[in-house]
């Protein structure tokens, strides 16, 4: 069948809904477990530090399989690989929920990450092959709703399930979704003629798995994920563990690039198609998707963390603040999906990064006296910018790419977003800790002096404490402790504001890069994106 006239047998929108089901399930699992860590640690007799490997083990295996999804799909077929990934994810979710010990739970979280890592690239490439270019933006709007809103509702949903039922149900809820996804995928999704020909060619040529390339990918992305997830906890390079993983990741990356280029020169199928980076739109899109993931995951955790640690909100209440961002995404995504077929996508990206930078800078107006409504308003503004980025970046990344390489494009784009999310999380945790120390030292040196304001406040707190204790010395110590607690809170807020300013600068720096991207040609045929 000629590539230009290929059309799916079923309604494209039913196919989009089908693949979005698994997207919700997988992306939700990247954040839903976070709030259940204390419960998991308590029920299994483990420390909190040991229990955090429940998160890290999933992220590591997920990062390993993400880049090689296109490669494996070209061997067994994209539909078969996708359904296998869904089945692995569903079965491993069941085993995670039934795990009797932490070691068993970690084992099946690794398996779950392998299944989840195979989903996102396949889903995105299925959409790229199912829809004509002029409707691709609308398809990505449906997919984007799941990718952006799932990390937002994950902590809230996880907290509600854990508080009202049991932490094991955060895994069990994946099972019916996986079963439904498998049934719909079997009926709705099909491989394109190009994919079927690639599979047949692989069979005829006696295709062998590139074990060296796969091993280098595992060492590169697995080592990088461990560094990013555990770096701040282990005090970065003062830890021999983090230093060792970083050396392994960098050395493996250098070897991986050399090996993949060699494979391409020998006309072998590379695991990572590095030739895609010769396309300007694709290279810039990868960088922008990295920044999008960086901002999305950093801010998704940052605002609720501030409200819980400094303002006394519960995890569920803090998570509700993020729901306003979900509403903004639901409102804006369909609008962007329609606009992308009518407006130059580059303009939408410029608007998105501009809106995101302004919203992040506007968030620096927050303080410890802000209301719930004001916090929700700040998140709403921020989500508008994010919604205007996901669809245009994804759509423009396919310009000039042959349809047969859609799998490779979606794989690398998803890797960029996930690694960006890990970097964003590592960045905000590190900067919060270090900037808080700087501000605390500054405030201590300027506040504890013989200034009238300080003395007046100190005497007021002392008199207040004397109502509960007859000892002047105890009252003075209580006043100092109370004052220092307030000072720590202010130092904490200032560190959050610093992080938000940095994120705003990162977003603003992306705006000039948009001008380097090529606009999709009018009347573009379906044969070339």
Protein backbone atom coordinates (compact mmCIF):
# COMPACT_ATOMS: atom_id res chain seq x y z
CA UNK A 1 0.00 0.00 0.00
CA UNK A 2 1.47 3.38 -0.93
CA UNK A 3 2.44 5.40 2.09
CA UNK A 4 0.62 8.55 1.00
CA UNK A 5 -2.83 6.88 0.84
CA UNK A 6 -2.61 4.81 4.02
CA UNK A 7 -5.62 5.23 6.27
CA UNK A 8 -6.48 3.34 9.46
CA UNK A 9 -9.44 0.94 9.33
CA UNK A 10 -11.08 2.43 12.41
CA UNK A 11 -12.06 5.93 13.46
CA UNK A 12 -8.84 7.81 14.35
CA UNK A 13 -10.45 9.42 17.40
CA UNK A 14 -11.34 6.01 18.85
CA UNK A 15 -7.70 5.02 18.37
CA UNK A 16 -6.61 8.24 20.13
CA UNK A 17 -8.87 7.48 23.10
CA UNK A 18 -7.58 3.90 23.19
CA UNK A 19 -3.91 4.84 23.49
CA UNK A 20 -4.72 7.67 25.91
CA UNK A 21 -6.10 5.14 28.41
CA UNK A 22 -2.68 3.55 28.86
CA UNK A 23 -1.06 7.00 28.89
CA UNK A 24 -3.13 8.03 31.91
CA UNK A 25 -2.28 4.78 33.68
CA UNK A 26 1.47 5.02 33.09
CA UNK A 27 2.05 8.75 33.66
CA UNK A 28 -0.12 8.66 36.78
CA UNK A 29 2.17 6.02 38.23
CA UNK A 30 5.20 8.32 38.05
CA UNK A 31 3.72 10.54 40.79
CA UNK A 32 0.93 8.63 42.57
CA UNK A 33 3.37 6.57 44.66
CA UNK A 34 5.20 9.59 46.11
CA UNK A 35 2.70 10.37 48.86
CA UNK A 36 2.40 6.69 49.87
CA UNK A 37 6.11 6.23 50.70
CA UNK A 38 5.70 6.72 54.50
CA UNK A 39 2.84 4.17 54.54
CA UNK A 40 4.84 1.67 52.47
CA UNK A 41 7.86 2.07 54.74
CA UNK A 42 5.75 1.62 57.88
CA UNK A 43 3.87 -1.45 56.67
CA UNK A 44 7.04 -3.21 55.50
CA UNK A 45 9.32 -2.32 58.40
CA UNK A 46 11.66 -0.28 56.21
CA UNK A 47 13.20 3.15 56.64
CA UNK A 48 11.94 6.09 54.62
CA UNK A 49 15.25 6.20 52.74
CA UNK A 50 14.91 2.54 51.75
CA UNK A 51 11.30 3.03 50.69
CA UNK A 52 12.19 5.88 48.30
CA UNK A 53 13.82 3.25 46.09
CA UNK A 54 10.23 2.35 45.16
CA UNK A 55 10.25 5.58 43.16
CA UNK A 56 13.85 5.39 41.94
CA UNK A 57 13.64 1.77 40.74
CA UNK A 58 10.65 2.63 38.54
CA UNK A 59 12.29 5.75 37.10
CA UNK A 60 15.54 3.92 36.32
CA UNK A 61 13.95 1.04 34.41
CA UNK A 62 11.55 3.48 32.72
CA UNK A 63 14.47 5.62 31.54
CA UNK A 64 16.29 2.55 30.17
CA UNK A 65 13.43 1.27 28.01
CA UNK A 66 12.16 4.65 26.73
CA UNK A 67 14.95 5.24 24.18
CA UNK A 68 14.83 1.70 22.77
CA UNK A 69 11.06 1.41 22.30
CA UNK A 70 11.25 2.27 18.58
CA UNK A 71 14.07 -0.22 18.09
CA UNK A 72 12.19 -3.09 19.75
CA UNK A 73 9.00 -2.19 17.90
CA UNK A 74 10.82 -2.55 14.57
CA UNK A 75 11.73 -6.14 15.53
CA UNK A 76 8.40 -7.49 16.79
CA UNK A 77 5.98 -4.90 15.41
CA UNK A 78 4.70 -1.77 17.12
CA UNK A 79 1.25 -3.16 18.03
CA UNK A 80 2.69 -6.33 19.54
CA UNK A 81 5.33 -4.39 21.44
CA UNK A 82 2.72 -1.92 22.71
CA UNK A 83 0.33 -4.64 23.87
CA UNK A 84 3.19 -6.52 25.52
CA UNK A 85 4.13 -3.34 27.39
CA UNK A 86 0.53 -2.84 28.58
CA UNK A 87 0.33 -6.47 29.72
CA UNK A 88 3.66 -6.24 31.58
CA UNK A 89 2.56 -3.02 33.25
CA UNK A 90 -0.79 -4.48 34.33
CA UNK A 91 0.63 -7.76 35.66
CA UNK A 92 3.50 -6.06 37.48
CA UNK A 93 0.99 -3.61 39.04
CA UNK A 94 -0.88 -6.61 40.44
CA UNK A 95 2.34 -8.09 41.81
CA UNK A 96 3.35 -4.73 43.34
CA UNK A 97 0.04 -4.58 45.18
CA UNK A 98 0.50 -8.13 46.46
CA UNK A 99 4.21 -7.76 47.35
CA UNK A 100 4.90 -9.18 50.84
CA UNK A 101 8.24 -7.39 51.30
CA UNK A 102 10.09 -4.32 50.12
CA UNK A 103 12.59 -6.33 48.06
CA UNK A 104 9.76 -8.03 46.13
CA UNK A 105 8.04 -4.68 45.66
CA UNK A 106 11.24 -3.15 44.24
CA UNK A 107 11.65 -6.09 41.85
CA UNK A 108 8.20 -5.65 40.38
CA UNK A 109 8.53 -1.86 40.30
CA UNK A 110 11.52 -2.42 37.99
CA UNK A 111 9.37 -4.68 35.80
CA UNK A 112 6.55 -2.12 35.91
CA UNK A 113 8.95 0.61 34.79
CA UNK A 114 10.05 -1.54 31.84
CA UNK A 115 6.43 -1.96 30.77
CA UNK A 116 5.61 1.70 31.29
CA UNK A 117 8.67 2.89 29.38
CA UNK A 118 7.46 1.10 26.27
CA UNK A 119 4.07 2.81 26.26
CA UNK A 120 4.64 6.52 25.68
CA UNK A 121 6.81 6.37 22.51
CA UNK A 122 4.48 3.79 20.94
CA UNK A 123 1.38 5.83 21.79
CA UNK A 124 2.74 9.03 20.29
CA UNK A 125 3.96 7.35 17.10
CA UNK A 126 0.59 5.57 16.72
CA UNK A 127 -1.10 8.99 16.74
CA UNK A 128 1.44 10.37 14.25
CA UNK A 129 0.69 7.52 11.84
CA UNK A 130 -3.07 7.51 12.41
CA UNK A 131 -3.88 11.18 11.82
CA UNK A 132 -3.14 13.34 8.77
CA UNK A 133 -0.71 16.21 9.46
CA UNK A 134 -3.46 18.84 9.54
CA UNK A 135 -5.23 17.00 12.39
CA UNK A 136 -2.16 15.82 14.26
CA UNK A 137 -2.28 18.78 16.65
CA UNK A 138 -5.82 17.91 17.71
CA UNK A 139 -4.75 14.31 18.32
CA UNK A 140 -1.84 15.47 20.46
CA UNK A 141 -4.32 17.61 22.42
CA UNK A 142 -6.08 14.46 23.61
CA UNK A 143 -2.77 12.78 24.39
CA UNK A 144 -1.41 15.94 26.05
CA UNK A 145 -4.36 16.13 28.44
CA UNK A 146 -3.23 12.84 29.90
CA UNK A 147 0.49 13.61 29.94
CA UNK A 148 0.16 16.99 31.66
CA UNK A 149 -2.81 16.40 33.99
CA UNK A 150 -1.86 12.90 35.21
CA UNK A 151 1.23 14.10 37.19
CA UNK A 152 -0.95 16.85 38.66
CA UNK A 153 -3.74 14.62 39.96
CA UNK A 154 -1.38 11.76 40.88
CA UNK A 155 -0.35 13.00 44.36
CA UNK A 156 -3.91 13.99 45.24
CA UNK A 157 -5.38 10.68 44.10
CA UNK A 158 -2.56 8.74 45.78
CA UNK A 159 -3.10 10.59 49.05
CA UNK A 160 -6.86 10.00 48.97
CA UNK A 161 -6.49 6.27 48.24
CA UNK A 162 -3.80 5.83 50.89
CA UNK A 163 -5.77 7.71 53.56
CA UNK A 164 -9.13 6.05 52.87
CA UNK A 165 -8.16 2.55 51.78
CA UNK A 166 -4.65 1.06 51.56
CA UNK A 167 -1.49 1.97 49.67
CA UNK A 168 -1.75 -1.31 47.72
CA UNK A 169 -4.77 0.07 45.86
CA UNK A 170 -2.61 2.66 44.10
CA UNK A 171 -1.30 -0.35 42.14
CA UNK A 172 -4.53 -2.34 41.89
CA UNK A 173 -6.39 0.50 40.12
CA UNK A 174 -4.10 -0.04 37.10
CA UNK A 175 -5.40 -3.56 36.43
CA UNK A 176 -8.88 -2.81 34.98
CA UNK A 177 -7.42 0.02 32.88
CA UNK A 178 -4.76 -2.33 31.49
CA UNK A 179 -7.37 -5.00 30.63
CA UNK A 180 -9.59 -2.44 28.88
CA UNK A 181 -6.59 -0.99 27.03
CA UNK A 182 -5.54 -4.43 25.78
CA UNK A 183 -9.05 -5.23 24.52
CA UNK A 184 -9.42 -1.92 22.68
CA UNK A 185 -5.88 -2.00 21.26
CA UNK A 186 -6.39 -5.50 19.86
CA UNK A 187 -9.49 -4.30 18.03
CA UNK A 188 -8.57 -0.72 17.07
CA UNK A 189 -4.81 -0.41 16.53
CA UNK A 190 -2.87 -1.78 13.57
CA UNK A 191 0.67 -1.57 12.26
CA UNK A 192 1.29 0.59 9.21
CA UNK A 193 2.56 -1.04 5.99
CA UNK A 194 6.01 0.48 6.68
CA UNK A 195 6.20 -1.18 10.09
CA UNK A 196 5.03 -4.53 8.71
CA UNK A 197 7.66 -4.37 5.98
CA UNK A 198 10.36 -3.51 8.55
CA UNK A 199 9.36 -6.50 10.68
CA UNK A 200 9.38 -8.83 7.68
CA UNK A 201 12.76 -7.53 6.61
CA UNK A 202 14.12 -8.07 10.12
CA UNK A 203 12.87 -11.67 10.04
CA UNK A 204 14.38 -12.35 6.60
CA UNK A 205 17.75 -10.88 7.51
CA UNK A 206 17.98 -12.81 10.74
CA UNK A 207 17.82 -9.64 12.87
CA UNK A 208 19.84 -9.84 16.07
CA UNK A 209 19.40 -7.71 19.15
CA UNK A 210 22.15 -5.12 19.50
CA UNK A 211 23.16 -6.22 22.99
CA UNK A 212 26.11 -3.81 23.15
CA UNK A 213 23.95 -0.83 22.24
CA UNK A 214 21.21 -1.93 24.64
CA UNK A 215 23.73 -2.33 27.46
CA UNK A 216 25.18 1.13 26.82
CA UNK A 217 21.67 2.65 26.83
CA UNK A 218 20.94 0.95 30.15
CA UNK A 219 24.17 2.17 31.74
CA UNK A 220 23.76 5.71 30.34
CA UNK A 221 20.13 6.45 31.20
CA UNK A 222 19.92 4.17 34.23
CA UNK A 223 23.04 5.73 35.78
CA UNK A 224 21.82 9.22 34.95
CA UNK A 225 18.44 8.58 36.61
CA UNK A 226 20.07 7.31 39.82
CA UNK A 227 22.29 10.43 39.95
CA UNK A 228 19.35 12.79 39.45
CA UNK A 229 16.98 11.02 41.83
CA UNK A 230 19.43 10.35 44.68
CA UNK A 231 21.94 13.20 44.20
CA UNK A 232 20.60 15.70 46.72
CA UNK A 233 19.79 12.98 49.24
CA UNK A 234 23.40 11.73 49.10
CA UNK A 235 24.91 15.27 48.92
CA UNK A 236 25.86 14.85 45.27
CA UNK A 237 29.54 14.23 44.53
CA UNK A 238 30.58 14.00 48.15
CA UNK A 239 29.02 10.54 47.87
CA UNK A 240 31.12 7.79 46.28
CA UNK A 241 27.91 6.14 45.04
CA UNK A 242 26.75 9.23 43.11
CA UNK A 243 30.25 9.89 41.75
CA UNK A 244 30.54 6.30 40.52
CA UNK A 245 27.15 6.38 38.80
CA UNK A 246 27.98 9.71 37.17
CA UNK A 247 31.28 8.41 35.80
CA UNK A 248 29.55 5.31 34.45
CA UNK A 249 26.76 7.39 32.85
CA UNK A 250 29.12 9.85 31.12
CA UNK A 251 31.52 7.16 29.91
CA UNK A 252 28.62 5.04 28.65
CA UNK A 253 27.09 8.04 26.84
CA UNK A 254 30.34 8.70 24.97
CA UNK A 255 30.63 5.02 24.02
CA UNK A 256 26.93 4.90 23.06
CA UNK A 257 27.22 7.83 20.64
CA UNK A 258 30.32 6.30 19.04
CA UNK A 259 28.69 2.87 18.77
CA UNK A 260 25.42 4.16 17.31
CA UNK A 261 27.24 6.20 14.65
CA UNK A 262 29.26 3.13 13.77
CA UNK A 263 26.09 1.03 13.47
CA UNK A 264 24.58 3.60 11.11
CA UNK A 265 27.71 3.62 8.91
CA UNK A 266 27.48 -0.18 8.65
CA UNK A 267 23.82 0.11 7.60
CA UNK A 268 22.67 -1.65 10.76
CA UNK A 269 19.54 -0.55 12.60
CA UNK A 270 20.78 1.73 15.43
CA UNK A 271 18.98 1.67 18.77
CA UNK A 272 19.03 5.48 18.81
CA UNK A 273 18.71 7.15 15.40
CA UNK A 274 21.12 10.03 15.99
CA UNK A 275 20.71 11.19 12.37
CA UNK A 276 17.44 12.79 13.48
CA UNK A 277 19.43 15.49 15.26
CA UNK A 278 20.56 16.75 11.85
CA UNK A 279 16.99 18.08 11.48
CA UNK A 280 16.88 21.55 13.03
CA UNK A 281 13.24 21.35 14.09
CA UNK A 282 13.75 18.03 15.81
CA UNK A 283 16.87 19.14 17.72
CA UNK A 284 15.22 22.32 18.96
CA UNK A 285 12.04 20.42 19.84
CA UNK A 286 14.05 17.98 21.97
CA UNK A 287 15.59 20.88 23.91
CA UNK A 288 12.22 22.58 24.36
CA UNK A 289 10.57 19.35 25.50
CA UNK A 290 13.38 18.95 28.04
CA UNK A 291 12.62 22.43 29.43
CA UNK A 292 8.89 21.66 29.38
CA UNK A 293 9.46 18.52 31.46
CA UNK A 294 11.86 20.46 33.69
CA UNK A 295 9.26 23.14 34.47
CA UNK A 296 6.27 20.76 34.64
CA UNK A 297 7.72 18.37 37.23
CA UNK A 298 9.57 21.02 39.23
CA UNK A 299 6.49 23.21 39.68
CA UNK A 300 4.13 20.28 40.18
CA UNK A 301 6.02 19.35 43.34
CA UNK A 302 7.25 22.79 44.39
CA UNK A 303 3.95 24.55 45.20
CA UNK A 304 2.36 21.68 47.20
CA UNK A 305 5.65 21.18 49.07
CA UNK A 306 5.69 24.83 50.10
CA UNK A 307 2.09 24.65 51.30
CA UNK A 308 2.70 21.46 53.30
CA UNK A 309 6.06 22.29 54.89
CA UNK A 310 5.62 26.01 55.55
CA UNK A 311 1.86 26.62 55.63
CA UNK A 312 0.55 23.50 57.37
CA UNK A 313 -1.63 22.16 54.55
CA UNK A 314 -2.39 18.44 54.34
CA UNK A 315 -1.16 16.49 51.30
CA UNK A 316 -4.71 16.23 49.97
CA UNK A 317 -5.43 19.96 50.42
CA UNK A 318 -2.12 20.93 48.82
CA UNK A 319 -2.86 18.58 45.94
CA UNK A 320 -6.19 20.31 45.42
CA UNK A 321 -4.28 23.49 44.59
CA UNK A 322 -2.85 21.68 41.58
CA UNK A 323 -6.34 20.80 40.34
CA UNK A 324 -6.74 24.36 39.10
CA UNK A 325 -3.85 23.64 36.73
CA UNK A 326 -5.74 20.59 35.51
CA UNK A 327 -8.76 22.77 34.74
CA UNK A 328 -6.55 25.19 32.79
CA UNK A 329 -5.13 22.30 30.77
CA UNK A 330 -8.60 20.89 30.02
CA UNK A 331 -9.73 24.32 28.81
CA UNK A 332 -6.64 25.20 26.78
CA UNK A 333 -5.63 21.88 25.19
CA UNK A 334 -8.63 21.63 22.81
CA UNK A 335 -8.16 25.29 21.86
CA UNK A 336 -4.49 24.70 21.03
CA UNK A 337 -5.42 21.54 19.11
CA UNK A 338 -7.67 23.62 16.87
CA UNK A 339 -5.25 26.56 16.56
CA UNK A 340 -2.29 24.39 15.53
CA UNK A 341 -3.98 23.66 12.18
CA UNK A 342 -4.75 27.34 11.58
CA UNK A 343 -1.83 29.24 13.15
CA UNK A 344 1.91 28.90 12.73
CA UNK A 345 2.92 26.54 15.54
CA UNK A 346 5.98 28.66 16.28
CA UNK A 347 3.75 31.53 17.41
CA UNK A 348 1.94 29.21 19.81
CA UNK A 349 5.27 28.10 21.29
CA UNK A 350 6.37 31.73 21.69
CA UNK A 351 3.10 32.48 23.48
CA UNK A 352 3.48 29.36 25.63
CA UNK A 353 7.01 30.09 26.84
CA UNK A 354 6.19 33.78 27.31
CA UNK A 355 3.08 32.95 29.35
CA UNK A 356 5.01 30.36 31.37
CA UNK A 357 7.89 32.76 32.11
CA UNK A 358 5.48 35.53 33.17
CA UNK A 359 3.43 33.13 35.31
CA UNK A 360 6.55 31.79 37.05
CA UNK A 361 7.80 35.31 37.72
CA UNK A 362 4.34 36.29 38.98
CA UNK A 363 4.54 33.39 41.44
CA UNK A 364 7.37 35.21 43.20
CA UNK A 365 4.60 37.35 44.77
CA UNK A 366 3.57 34.45 47.00
CA UNK A 367 4.06 34.55 50.78
CA UNK A 368 3.07 32.52 53.83
CA UNK A 369 -0.14 34.51 54.26
CA UNK A 370 -1.51 33.74 50.78
CA UNK A 371 -4.95 32.16 50.61
CA UNK A 372 -5.87 28.81 49.07
CA UNK A 373 -7.60 30.66 46.23
CA UNK A 374 -4.54 32.75 45.43
CA UNK A 375 -2.31 29.67 45.31
CA UNK A 376 -4.79 27.97 42.97
CA UNK A 377 -4.84 31.10 40.80
CA UNK A 378 -1.03 31.05 40.50
CA UNK A 379 -1.12 27.41 39.39
CA UNK A 380 -3.90 28.13 36.88
CA UNK A 381 -1.84 30.83 35.14
CA UNK A 382 1.19 28.58 35.02
CA UNK A 383 -0.72 25.68 33.43
CA UNK A 384 -1.90 27.91 30.58
CA UNK A 385 1.66 28.28 29.34
CA UNK A 386 2.31 24.54 29.66
CA UNK A 387 -0.82 23.73 27.63
CA UNK A 388 0.34 25.96 24.78
CA UNK A 389 3.69 24.15 24.56
CA UNK A 390 3.08 20.41 24.49
CA UNK A 391 1.09 20.18 21.26
CA UNK A 392 3.08 22.62 19.06
CA UNK A 393 6.45 21.22 20.15
CA UNK A 394 5.36 17.67 19.42
CA UNK A 395 3.81 18.62 16.10
CA UNK A 396 6.78 20.63 14.81
CA UNK A 397 9.24 17.90 15.82
CA UNK A 398 7.93 15.71 12.96
CA UNK A 399 8.60 18.26 10.19
CA UNK A 400 10.89 16.77 7.56
CA UNK A 401 10.90 13.34 9.22
CA UNK A 402 9.86 10.32 7.06
CA UNK A 403 6.82 8.50 8.40
CA UNK A 404 8.88 5.35 8.91
CA UNK A 405 10.88 7.14 11.64
CA UNK A 406 7.89 8.32 13.67
CA UNK A 407 8.71 5.73 16.34
CA UNK A 408 12.24 7.09 16.73
CA UNK A 409 11.01 10.69 16.97
CA UNK A 410 8.42 9.91 19.65
CA UNK A 411 10.92 7.83 21.62
CA UNK A 412 13.56 10.57 21.81
CA UNK A 413 10.97 13.31 22.48
CA UNK A 414 9.60 11.33 25.42
CA UNK A 415 13.12 10.67 26.71
CA UNK A 416 13.77 14.42 26.64
CA UNK A 417 10.61 15.16 28.65
CA UNK A 418 11.26 12.45 31.23
CA UNK A 419 14.93 13.33 31.72
CA UNK A 420 13.89 16.99 31.89
CA UNK A 421 11.42 16.09 34.63
CA UNK A 422 14.11 14.28 36.60
CA UNK A 423 16.52 17.19 36.16
CA UNK A 424 13.82 19.65 37.24
CA UNK A 425 13.09 17.66 40.38
CA UNK A 426 16.81 17.38 41.21
CA UNK A 427 17.28 21.09 40.53
CA UNK A 428 14.52 22.33 42.82
CA UNK A 429 15.42 20.01 45.71
CA UNK A 430 19.08 21.02 45.53
CA UNK A 431 18.42 24.73 45.11
CA UNK A 432 15.84 24.81 47.90
CA UNK A 433 18.29 23.26 50.35
CA UNK A 434 21.22 25.47 49.40
CA UNK A 435 19.41 28.76 48.96
CA UNK A 436 17.60 28.28 52.28
CA UNK A 437 20.97 28.03 54.03
CA UNK A 438 22.16 31.22 52.31
CA UNK A 439 19.04 33.18 53.25
CA UNK A 440 19.01 31.84 56.78
CA UNK A 441 22.61 32.91 57.33
CA UNK A 442 21.86 36.36 55.90
CA UNK A 443 18.74 36.85 58.05
CA UNK A 444 20.48 35.70 61.21
CA UNK A 445 23.33 38.14 60.67
CA UNK A 446 20.95 41.07 60.12
CA UNK A 447 18.10 40.31 62.50
CA UNK A 448 19.78 39.31 65.75
CA UNK A 449 21.17 42.72 66.62
CA UNK A 450 20.33 45.59 68.95
CA UNK A 451 17.79 47.04 66.51
CA UNK A 452 14.65 48.54 68.13
CA UNK A 453 12.34 46.37 66.01
CA UNK A 454 14.08 43.16 67.03
CA UNK A 455 14.16 44.12 70.72
CA UNK A 456 10.49 45.09 70.68
CA UNK A 457 9.46 41.81 69.11
CA UNK A 458 11.72 39.82 71.45
CA UNK A 459 10.23 41.46 74.58
CA UNK A 460 6.69 40.92 73.27
CA UNK A 461 7.31 37.21 72.74
CA UNK A 462 8.97 36.92 76.14
CA UNK A 463 5.99 38.52 77.90
CA UNK A 464 3.65 36.22 75.99
CA UNK A 465 5.67 33.16 77.09
CA UNK A 466 5.65 34.30 80.74
CA UNK A 467 1.91 33.63 80.81
CA UNK A 468 2.67 29.92 80.59
CA UNK A 469 5.91 29.70 82.61
CA UNK A 470 7.10 31.55 85.75
CA UNK A 471 10.75 31.30 84.70
CA UNK A 472 12.13 34.37 82.88
CA UNK A 473 14.96 32.28 81.44
CA UNK A 474 12.54 29.69 80.03
CA UNK A 475 10.38 32.45 78.59
CA UNK A 476 13.35 34.07 76.87
CA UNK A 477 14.44 30.72 75.41
CA UNK A 478 10.89 30.12 74.19
CA UNK A 479 10.83 33.58 72.58
CA UNK A 480 14.13 32.94 70.82
CA UNK A 481 12.90 29.56 69.57
CA UNK A 482 9.67 31.05 68.28
CA UNK A 483 11.50 33.89 66.58
CA UNK A 484 13.99 31.50 64.99
CA UNK A 485 11.14 29.32 63.71
CA UNK A 486 9.66 32.37 61.99
CA UNK A 487 13.05 33.21 60.54
CA UNK A 488 13.39 29.68 59.13
CA UNK A 489 10.00 30.03 57.47
CA UNK A 490 11.01 33.29 55.83
CA UNK A 491 14.29 31.79 54.65
CA UNK A 492 12.32 28.89 53.19
CA UNK A 493 9.97 31.20 51.29
CA UNK A 494 12.91 33.19 49.89
CA UNK A 495 14.51 29.97 48.63
CA UNK A 496 11.27 29.03 46.83
CA UNK A 497 11.19 32.47 45.21
CA UNK A 498 14.78 31.99 43.99
CA UNK A 499 13.85 28.68 42.34
CA UNK A 500 10.83 30.27 40.64
CA UNK A 501 13.01 33.08 39.25
CA UNK A 502 15.46 30.55 37.82
CA UNK A 503 12.63 28.60 36.21
CA UNK A 504 11.22 31.81 34.69
CA UNK A 505 14.64 32.59 33.19
CA UNK A 506 14.93 29.08 31.72
CA UNK A 507 11.51 29.43 30.08
CA UNK A 508 12.33 32.89 28.69
CA UNK A 509 15.58 31.60 27.17
CA UNK A 510 13.60 29.25 24.92
CA UNK A 511 11.75 32.07 23.16
CA UNK A 512 14.57 33.12 20.76
CA UNK A 513 15.14 29.48 19.74
CA UNK A 514 11.63 29.32 18.28
CA UNK A 515 12.70 31.67 15.51
CA UNK A 516 15.21 29.06 14.31
CA UNK A 517 12.50 26.48 13.66
CA UNK A 518 11.00 25.87 10.24
CA UNK A 519 7.33 26.42 9.66
CA UNK A 520 5.38 23.39 8.38
CA UNK A 521 4.73 23.85 4.65
CA UNK A 522 1.16 24.51 3.57
CA UNK A 523 -0.62 21.64 1.96
CA UNK A 524 1.83 19.21 3.48
CA UNK A 525 1.18 15.66 2.33
CA UNK A 526 0.67 12.86 4.75
CA UNK A 527 3.73 11.12 3.42
CA UNK A 528 6.10 13.61 5.01
CA UNK A 529 5.51 15.27 8.32
